[in-house]
N, C-alpha and C. Protein backbone atom coordinates (compact mmCIF):
# COMPACT_ATOMS: atom_id res chain seq x y z
N MET A 1 92.03 71.42 113.94
CA MET A 1 93.53 71.43 113.87
C MET A 1 94.26 72.41 113.09
N ILE A 2 93.85 72.77 111.85
CA ILE A 2 94.37 73.98 111.17
C ILE A 2 94.28 75.23 111.90
N LYS A 3 93.14 75.54 112.66
CA LYS A 3 93.12 76.76 113.34
C LYS A 3 94.18 76.73 114.45
N LEU A 4 94.39 75.67 115.02
CA LEU A 4 95.35 75.58 116.14
C LEU A 4 96.82 75.85 115.54
N ILE A 5 97.17 75.22 114.34
CA ILE A 5 98.46 75.60 113.69
C ILE A 5 98.54 76.98 113.35
N SER A 6 97.63 77.64 112.87
CA SER A 6 97.47 79.03 112.51
C SER A 6 97.67 79.92 113.82
N ILE A 7 97.15 79.43 114.77
CA ILE A 7 97.39 80.35 116.13
C ILE A 7 98.79 80.26 116.32
N ILE A 8 99.31 79.12 116.28
CA ILE A 8 100.92 78.82 116.63
C ILE A 8 101.60 79.62 115.80
N PHE A 9 101.44 79.74 114.29
CA PHE A 9 102.09 80.34 113.50
C PHE A 9 101.99 82.12 113.97
N ALA A 10 100.73 82.31 114.20
CA ALA A 10 100.72 83.79 114.71
C ALA A 10 101.29 84.14 115.94
N ILE A 11 101.48 83.33 116.89
CA ILE A 11 102.43 83.48 118.13
C ILE A 11 103.72 83.64 117.77
N LEU A 12 104.15 82.62 116.86
CA LEU A 12 105.61 82.66 116.34
C LEU A 12 105.85 83.88 115.54
N ALA A 13 104.72 84.52 114.98
CA ALA A 13 105.11 85.75 114.22
C ALA A 13 105.31 86.96 115.17
N GLY A 14 104.38 86.98 116.15
CA GLY A 14 104.33 87.93 117.20
C GLY A 14 105.88 87.87 118.00
N GLY A 15 106.41 86.72 118.42
CA GLY A 15 107.53 86.79 119.06
C GLY A 15 108.75 87.14 118.04
N SER A 16 108.67 86.67 116.55
CA SER A 16 109.65 86.99 115.76
C SER A 16 109.74 88.58 115.67
N THR A 17 108.48 89.22 115.56
CA THR A 17 108.37 90.47 115.46
C THR A 17 109.14 91.36 116.73
N ALA A 18 108.97 90.64 117.82
CA ALA A 18 109.54 91.48 119.06
C ALA A 18 111.01 91.25 118.94
N LEU A 19 111.45 89.95 118.62
CA LEU A 19 112.74 89.70 118.61
C LEU A 19 113.58 90.59 117.54
N GLU A 20 112.98 90.71 116.33
CA GLU A 20 113.36 91.40 115.25
C GLU A 20 113.68 92.89 115.59
N ALA A 21 112.62 93.22 116.13
CA ALA A 21 112.59 94.80 116.63
C ALA A 21 113.80 94.99 117.62
N PHE A 22 114.03 94.10 118.52
CA PHE A 22 115.07 94.50 119.58
C PHE A 22 116.22 94.16 118.79
N ILE A 23 116.75 93.25 118.03
CA ILE A 23 117.84 93.01 117.40
C ILE A 23 118.25 94.09 116.49
N ASN A 24 117.19 94.54 115.65
CA ASN A 24 117.35 95.66 114.46
C ASN A 24 117.58 97.01 115.30
N GLY A 25 117.01 97.16 116.47
CA GLY A 25 117.19 98.45 117.21
C GLY A 25 118.68 98.45 117.64
N GLU A 26 119.10 97.43 118.24
CA GLU A 26 120.53 97.21 118.52
C GLU A 26 121.53 97.48 117.45
N LEU A 27 121.06 96.78 116.38
CA LEU A 27 121.91 97.14 115.02
C LEU A 27 121.80 98.43 114.71
N GLY A 28 120.81 99.13 114.74
CA GLY A 28 120.74 100.62 114.44
C GLY A 28 121.52 101.33 115.37
N LYS A 29 121.84 101.00 116.45
CA LYS A 29 122.69 101.83 117.41
C LYS A 29 124.09 101.73 116.92
N SER A 30 124.44 100.61 116.24
CA SER A 30 125.77 100.39 115.86
C SER A 30 126.04 101.16 114.42
N THR A 31 125.05 101.17 113.56
CA THR A 31 125.03 101.83 112.35
C THR A 31 124.12 102.90 112.13
N SER A 32 123.22 102.75 111.41
CA SER A 32 122.15 103.81 111.23
C SER A 32 120.76 102.97 110.94
N ALA A 33 119.75 103.71 110.94
CA ALA A 33 118.32 102.97 110.66
C ALA A 33 118.26 102.50 109.13
N VAL A 34 118.82 103.30 108.25
CA VAL A 34 118.80 102.66 106.92
C VAL A 34 119.80 101.68 106.75
N THR A 35 120.92 101.60 107.18
CA THR A 35 121.94 100.57 107.15
C THR A 35 121.52 99.43 107.86
N ALA A 36 120.97 99.51 108.94
CA ALA A 36 120.44 98.42 109.88
C ALA A 36 119.24 97.86 108.92
N THR A 37 118.40 98.63 108.27
CA THR A 37 117.40 98.05 107.57
C THR A 37 117.78 97.33 106.42
N PHE A 38 118.76 97.73 105.72
CA PHE A 38 119.38 97.17 104.42
C PHE A 38 120.05 95.69 105.07
N ILE A 39 120.83 95.69 106.02
CA ILE A 39 121.52 94.57 106.39
C ILE A 39 120.42 93.59 106.80
N SER A 40 119.48 94.02 107.58
CA SER A 40 118.39 93.09 107.89
C SER A 40 117.57 92.49 106.81
N LEU A 41 117.42 93.16 105.72
CA LEU A 41 116.67 92.59 104.42
C LEU A 41 117.52 91.73 103.66
N VAL A 42 118.94 92.21 103.70
CA VAL A 42 119.76 91.39 102.86
C VAL A 42 120.04 89.92 103.76
N VAL A 43 120.13 89.94 104.81
CA VAL A 43 120.36 88.67 105.66
C VAL A 43 119.02 87.79 105.45
N GLY A 44 118.01 88.40 105.60
CA GLY A 44 116.56 87.73 105.39
C GLY A 44 116.47 87.18 104.12
N SER A 45 116.84 87.98 103.05
CA SER A 45 116.96 87.53 101.72
C SER A 45 117.89 86.16 101.48
N VAL A 46 118.99 86.44 101.80
CA VAL A 46 119.97 85.30 101.87
C VAL A 46 119.41 84.05 102.41
N PHE A 47 118.94 83.92 103.60
CA PHE A 47 118.44 83.06 104.36
C PHE A 47 117.22 82.49 103.60
N PHE A 48 116.29 83.17 103.13
CA PHE A 48 115.24 82.57 102.48
C PHE A 48 115.65 81.93 100.97
N LEU A 49 116.69 82.54 100.49
CA LEU A 49 116.93 81.98 99.17
C LEU A 49 117.78 80.65 99.43
N ILE A 50 118.51 80.46 100.45
CA ILE A 50 119.10 79.25 100.85
C ILE A 50 118.00 78.25 101.13
N ASN A 51 116.91 78.65 101.83
CA ASN A 51 115.92 77.76 102.38
C ASN A 51 115.27 77.43 100.99
N MET A 52 114.77 78.16 100.07
CA MET A 52 114.15 77.98 98.68
C MET A 52 115.08 76.79 97.85
N ILE A 53 116.28 76.98 97.97
CA ILE A 53 117.21 76.15 97.27
C ILE A 53 117.27 74.88 97.93
N LEU A 54 117.37 74.64 99.16
CA LEU A 54 117.22 73.44 99.83
C LEU A 54 115.91 72.73 99.85
N THR A 55 114.89 73.53 99.86
CA THR A 55 113.56 72.71 99.67
C THR A 55 113.06 72.54 98.31
N GLY A 56 113.77 73.01 97.27
CA GLY A 56 113.25 72.91 95.98
C GLY A 56 112.38 74.01 95.62
N GLU A 57 112.01 75.01 96.22
CA GLU A 57 111.03 75.87 96.04
C GLU A 57 111.62 76.98 95.12
N ILE A 58 112.90 76.86 94.73
CA ILE A 58 113.46 77.87 93.82
C ILE A 58 112.74 77.74 92.53
N LYS A 59 112.28 76.89 92.16
CA LYS A 59 111.42 76.57 90.88
C LYS A 59 110.28 77.55 90.81
N THR A 60 109.58 77.66 92.02
CA THR A 60 108.47 78.66 92.20
C THR A 60 108.96 79.91 92.00
N PHE A 61 109.92 80.36 92.64
CA PHE A 61 110.72 81.75 92.49
C PHE A 61 110.96 82.13 91.08
N LEU A 62 111.56 81.22 90.42
CA LEU A 62 111.84 81.50 88.87
C LEU A 62 110.67 81.55 87.97
N ALA A 63 109.49 81.05 88.50
CA ALA A 63 108.25 81.14 87.71
C ALA A 63 107.28 82.25 88.04
N THR A 64 107.89 83.35 88.36
CA THR A 64 107.18 84.54 88.89
C THR A 64 106.71 85.63 87.89
N GLU A 65 106.88 85.34 86.60
CA GLU A 65 106.46 86.19 85.71
C GLU A 65 104.99 86.75 85.46
N SER A 66 104.21 86.00 86.22
CA SER A 66 102.81 86.29 86.26
C SER A 66 102.47 87.29 87.34
N ILE A 67 103.22 87.55 88.22
CA ILE A 67 102.94 88.49 89.48
C ILE A 67 102.84 89.81 88.93
N SER A 68 101.82 90.37 89.51
CA SER A 68 101.55 91.90 89.26
C SER A 68 102.62 92.75 90.08
N PRO A 69 103.10 93.80 89.28
CA PRO A 69 104.00 94.56 89.77
C PRO A 69 103.66 95.13 91.15
N LYS A 70 102.25 95.63 91.24
CA LYS A 70 101.81 96.05 92.50
C LYS A 70 102.14 95.15 93.77
N LEU A 71 102.13 93.81 93.43
CA LEU A 71 102.27 93.11 94.69
C LEU A 71 103.66 93.08 95.15
N LEU A 72 104.70 93.66 94.49
CA LEU A 72 106.05 93.81 94.97
C LEU A 72 106.20 95.02 96.08
N LEU A 73 105.06 95.68 96.28
CA LEU A 73 105.21 96.76 97.19
C LEU A 73 105.31 96.10 98.64
N GLY A 74 104.81 95.14 98.80
CA GLY A 74 105.06 94.26 100.13
C GLY A 74 106.54 94.26 100.63
N GLY A 75 107.37 94.23 99.68
CA GLY A 75 109.01 94.19 99.97
C GLY A 75 109.19 95.57 100.54
N ILE A 76 108.62 96.54 99.90
CA ILE A 76 108.98 97.98 100.29
C ILE A 76 108.34 98.21 101.76
N PHE A 77 107.27 97.76 101.93
CA PHE A 77 106.64 97.77 103.32
C PHE A 77 107.39 97.10 104.19
N GLY A 78 107.60 95.93 104.12
CA GLY A 78 108.80 95.18 104.86
C GLY A 78 109.76 95.93 105.14
N GLY A 79 110.56 96.63 104.21
CA GLY A 79 111.65 97.37 104.71
C GLY A 79 111.22 98.66 105.56
N CYS A 80 110.09 99.21 105.30
CA CYS A 80 109.51 100.51 106.04
C CYS A 80 109.23 100.08 107.50
N ILE A 81 108.82 98.84 107.57
CA ILE A 81 108.65 98.13 109.04
C ILE A 81 109.92 98.27 109.86
N ILE A 82 110.96 97.75 109.31
CA ILE A 82 112.22 97.49 109.84
C ILE A 82 112.61 99.13 110.23
N TYR A 83 112.71 99.84 109.39
CA TYR A 83 113.18 101.12 109.38
C TYR A 83 112.48 102.02 110.45
N PHE A 84 111.24 102.07 110.29
CA PHE A 84 110.37 102.79 111.22
C PHE A 84 110.46 102.26 112.61
N THR A 85 110.71 101.01 112.83
CA THR A 85 110.72 100.39 114.10
C THR A 85 112.26 100.66 114.72
N VAL A 86 113.21 100.64 113.86
CA VAL A 86 114.42 101.00 114.38
C VAL A 86 114.37 102.56 114.77
N LYS A 87 113.80 103.44 114.05
CA LYS A 87 113.73 104.93 114.38
C LYS A 87 112.80 105.04 115.69
N ALA A 88 111.70 104.37 115.77
CA ALA A 88 110.84 104.63 116.79
C ALA A 88 111.46 104.18 118.29
N MET A 89 112.09 102.90 118.24
CA MET A 89 112.67 102.37 119.30
C MET A 89 113.66 103.10 120.24
N ASP A 90 114.37 103.92 119.30
CA ASP A 90 115.35 105.00 119.94
C ASP A 90 114.78 106.05 120.92
N GLY A 91 113.44 106.32 120.36
CA GLY A 91 112.74 107.39 121.23
C GLY A 91 111.85 107.17 122.29
N ILE A 92 111.09 105.76 121.96
CA ILE A 92 110.24 105.42 122.95
C ILE A 92 110.47 103.88 123.71
N GLY A 93 111.31 103.13 123.21
CA GLY A 93 111.62 101.94 123.73
C GLY A 93 110.92 100.72 122.93
N LEU A 94 111.39 99.45 123.34
CA LEU A 94 110.73 98.42 122.61
C LEU A 94 109.41 98.28 123.04
N SER A 95 108.95 98.16 124.31
CA SER A 95 107.56 97.74 124.64
C SER A 95 106.67 98.76 124.18
N SER A 96 106.96 100.06 124.15
CA SER A 96 106.02 101.09 123.53
C SER A 96 105.86 101.13 122.10
N THR A 97 107.05 100.81 121.31
CA THR A 97 106.93 100.72 119.95
C THR A 97 106.22 99.42 119.53
N LEU A 98 106.37 98.26 120.14
CA LEU A 98 105.52 97.19 119.78
C LEU A 98 104.01 97.28 120.04
N THR A 99 103.78 98.06 121.04
CA THR A 99 102.43 98.20 121.59
C THR A 99 101.73 98.89 120.33
N ILE A 100 102.34 100.19 120.00
CA ILE A 100 101.80 100.92 118.91
C ILE A 100 101.68 100.04 117.62
N ILE A 101 102.66 99.29 117.23
CA ILE A 101 102.64 98.64 116.19
C ILE A 101 101.54 97.58 115.98
N VAL A 102 101.35 96.83 117.03
CA VAL A 102 100.34 95.86 117.21
C VAL A 102 99.08 96.60 117.06
N VAL A 103 98.85 97.69 117.94
CA VAL A 103 97.37 98.38 117.87
C VAL A 103 97.20 98.97 116.39
N SER A 104 98.28 99.31 115.79
CA SER A 104 98.04 99.98 114.30
C SER A 104 97.64 98.81 113.36
N GLN A 105 98.28 97.60 113.46
CA GLN A 105 98.10 96.45 112.69
C GLN A 105 96.63 96.00 112.88
N ILE A 106 96.17 95.99 114.26
CA ILE A 106 94.93 95.58 114.51
C ILE A 106 93.86 96.41 113.63
N LEU A 107 93.97 97.75 113.82
CA LEU A 107 93.02 98.84 113.36
C LEU A 107 93.08 98.67 111.89
N ILE A 108 94.15 98.98 111.26
CA ILE A 108 94.37 98.69 109.81
C ILE A 108 93.87 97.36 109.33
N GLY A 109 93.95 96.51 109.94
CA GLY A 109 93.57 95.07 109.69
C GLY A 109 91.78 95.15 109.65
N PHE A 110 91.40 95.69 110.64
CA PHE A 110 89.80 96.01 110.65
C PHE A 110 89.46 96.69 109.49
N PHE A 111 90.01 97.60 108.99
CA PHE A 111 89.61 98.65 107.94
C PHE A 111 89.82 97.75 106.58
N ILE A 112 90.69 97.08 106.54
CA ILE A 112 91.03 96.22 105.27
C ILE A 112 89.79 94.97 105.20
N ASP A 113 89.71 94.43 106.44
CA ASP A 113 88.72 93.49 106.28
C ASP A 113 87.45 94.02 106.12
N VAL A 114 86.88 95.12 106.60
CA VAL A 114 85.54 95.62 106.66
C VAL A 114 85.25 96.50 105.30
N VAL A 115 86.41 97.32 105.06
CA VAL A 115 86.21 98.41 103.91
C VAL A 115 86.53 97.71 102.61
N VAL A 116 87.81 97.25 102.63
CA VAL A 116 88.43 96.94 101.36
C VAL A 116 87.90 95.58 100.73
N LEU A 117 88.03 94.62 101.66
CA LEU A 117 87.74 93.11 101.36
C LEU A 117 86.24 92.93 101.70
N LYS A 118 85.49 93.83 102.56
CA LYS A 118 84.14 93.37 102.85
C LYS A 118 83.79 92.15 103.39
N GLU A 119 84.85 91.62 104.03
CA GLU A 119 84.70 90.15 104.81
C GLU A 119 84.23 90.02 106.03
N GLN A 120 84.20 91.14 106.68
CA GLN A 120 83.70 91.10 108.09
C GLN A 120 82.86 92.46 108.23
N THR A 121 81.95 92.22 109.30
CA THR A 121 81.06 93.23 109.78
C THR A 121 81.44 93.78 111.04
N MET A 122 81.54 95.24 111.07
CA MET A 122 81.99 95.77 112.51
C MET A 122 80.72 95.84 113.48
N TYR A 123 80.88 95.17 114.63
CA TYR A 123 79.78 94.96 115.59
C TYR A 123 80.27 95.89 116.68
N LEU A 124 79.33 96.26 117.62
CA LEU A 124 79.61 97.23 118.56
C LEU A 124 80.71 96.66 119.39
N TYR A 125 80.76 95.36 119.65
CA TYR A 125 81.95 94.82 120.60
C TYR A 125 83.18 95.07 119.97
N LYS A 126 83.41 95.21 118.60
CA LYS A 126 84.59 95.44 118.02
C LYS A 126 84.96 96.77 118.19
N TYR A 127 84.17 97.81 118.12
CA TYR A 127 84.33 99.24 118.27
C TYR A 127 84.71 99.41 119.78
N VAL A 128 84.12 98.59 120.71
CA VAL A 128 84.49 98.76 122.19
C VAL A 128 85.94 98.15 122.33
N GLY A 129 86.21 97.05 121.51
CA GLY A 129 87.55 96.58 121.82
C GLY A 129 88.68 97.38 120.95
N ALA A 130 88.30 98.32 120.11
CA ALA A 130 89.12 99.28 119.37
C ALA A 130 89.49 100.41 120.32
N ILE A 131 88.43 100.95 121.01
CA ILE A 131 88.60 101.94 122.25
C ILE A 131 89.51 101.59 123.25
N LEU A 132 89.21 100.25 123.57
CA LEU A 132 90.13 99.65 124.81
C LEU A 132 91.42 99.61 124.42
N LEU A 133 91.74 99.26 122.97
CA LEU A 133 93.00 99.10 122.61
C LEU A 133 93.92 100.55 122.71
N PHE A 134 92.93 101.61 122.31
CA PHE A 134 93.62 102.99 122.41
C PHE A 134 93.85 103.20 123.84
N ILE A 135 92.98 102.99 124.82
CA ILE A 135 93.09 103.23 126.28
C ILE A 135 94.39 102.60 126.63
N GLY A 136 94.29 101.14 126.36
CA GLY A 136 95.71 100.45 126.94
C GLY A 136 96.75 100.98 126.34
N THR A 137 96.81 101.38 125.06
CA THR A 137 97.94 101.94 124.39
C THR A 137 98.55 103.15 124.98
N PHE A 138 97.55 104.12 125.54
CA PHE A 138 97.92 105.35 126.29
C PHE A 138 98.52 104.96 127.56
N PHE A 139 97.87 103.93 128.36
CA PHE A 139 98.70 103.65 129.63
C PHE A 139 99.90 103.04 129.50
N ILE A 140 100.19 102.16 128.31
CA ILE A 140 101.44 101.57 128.25
C ILE A 140 102.60 102.60 127.64
N VAL A 141 102.04 103.49 126.79
CA VAL A 141 103.15 104.29 126.41
C VAL A 141 103.35 105.60 127.24
N SER A 142 102.32 105.97 128.06
CA SER A 142 102.66 107.08 128.98
C SER A 142 103.91 106.78 129.91
């Protein structure tokens, strides 16, 4: 059951990524990529601040003094995702942008799992899958 719930969350994340990219791309047409990124991050921050207040998780937020500063880089990468997506969509469109994003995520995920965390082994079928990802990406983006 936990695996099914995790799969549902992953599907929701994928759908949210596509919708966010589309909406932020449109916002970037009305402003600039940097402004669209800023607006998106502020609105998201306010949304989650309200959520934390309503659910009582604000206590967790206020007790973050033990967090390593290097873990704050995630926020910078989040901003970069929005900015780079807005910039890419202008030149190659939504589907090509999302295809390249997903393939990049998978390949970097393999690297992190295998090399950094040493939690997985790369088998032949995973290399074949990576090659097929490249081929599929070529056909979608061309």
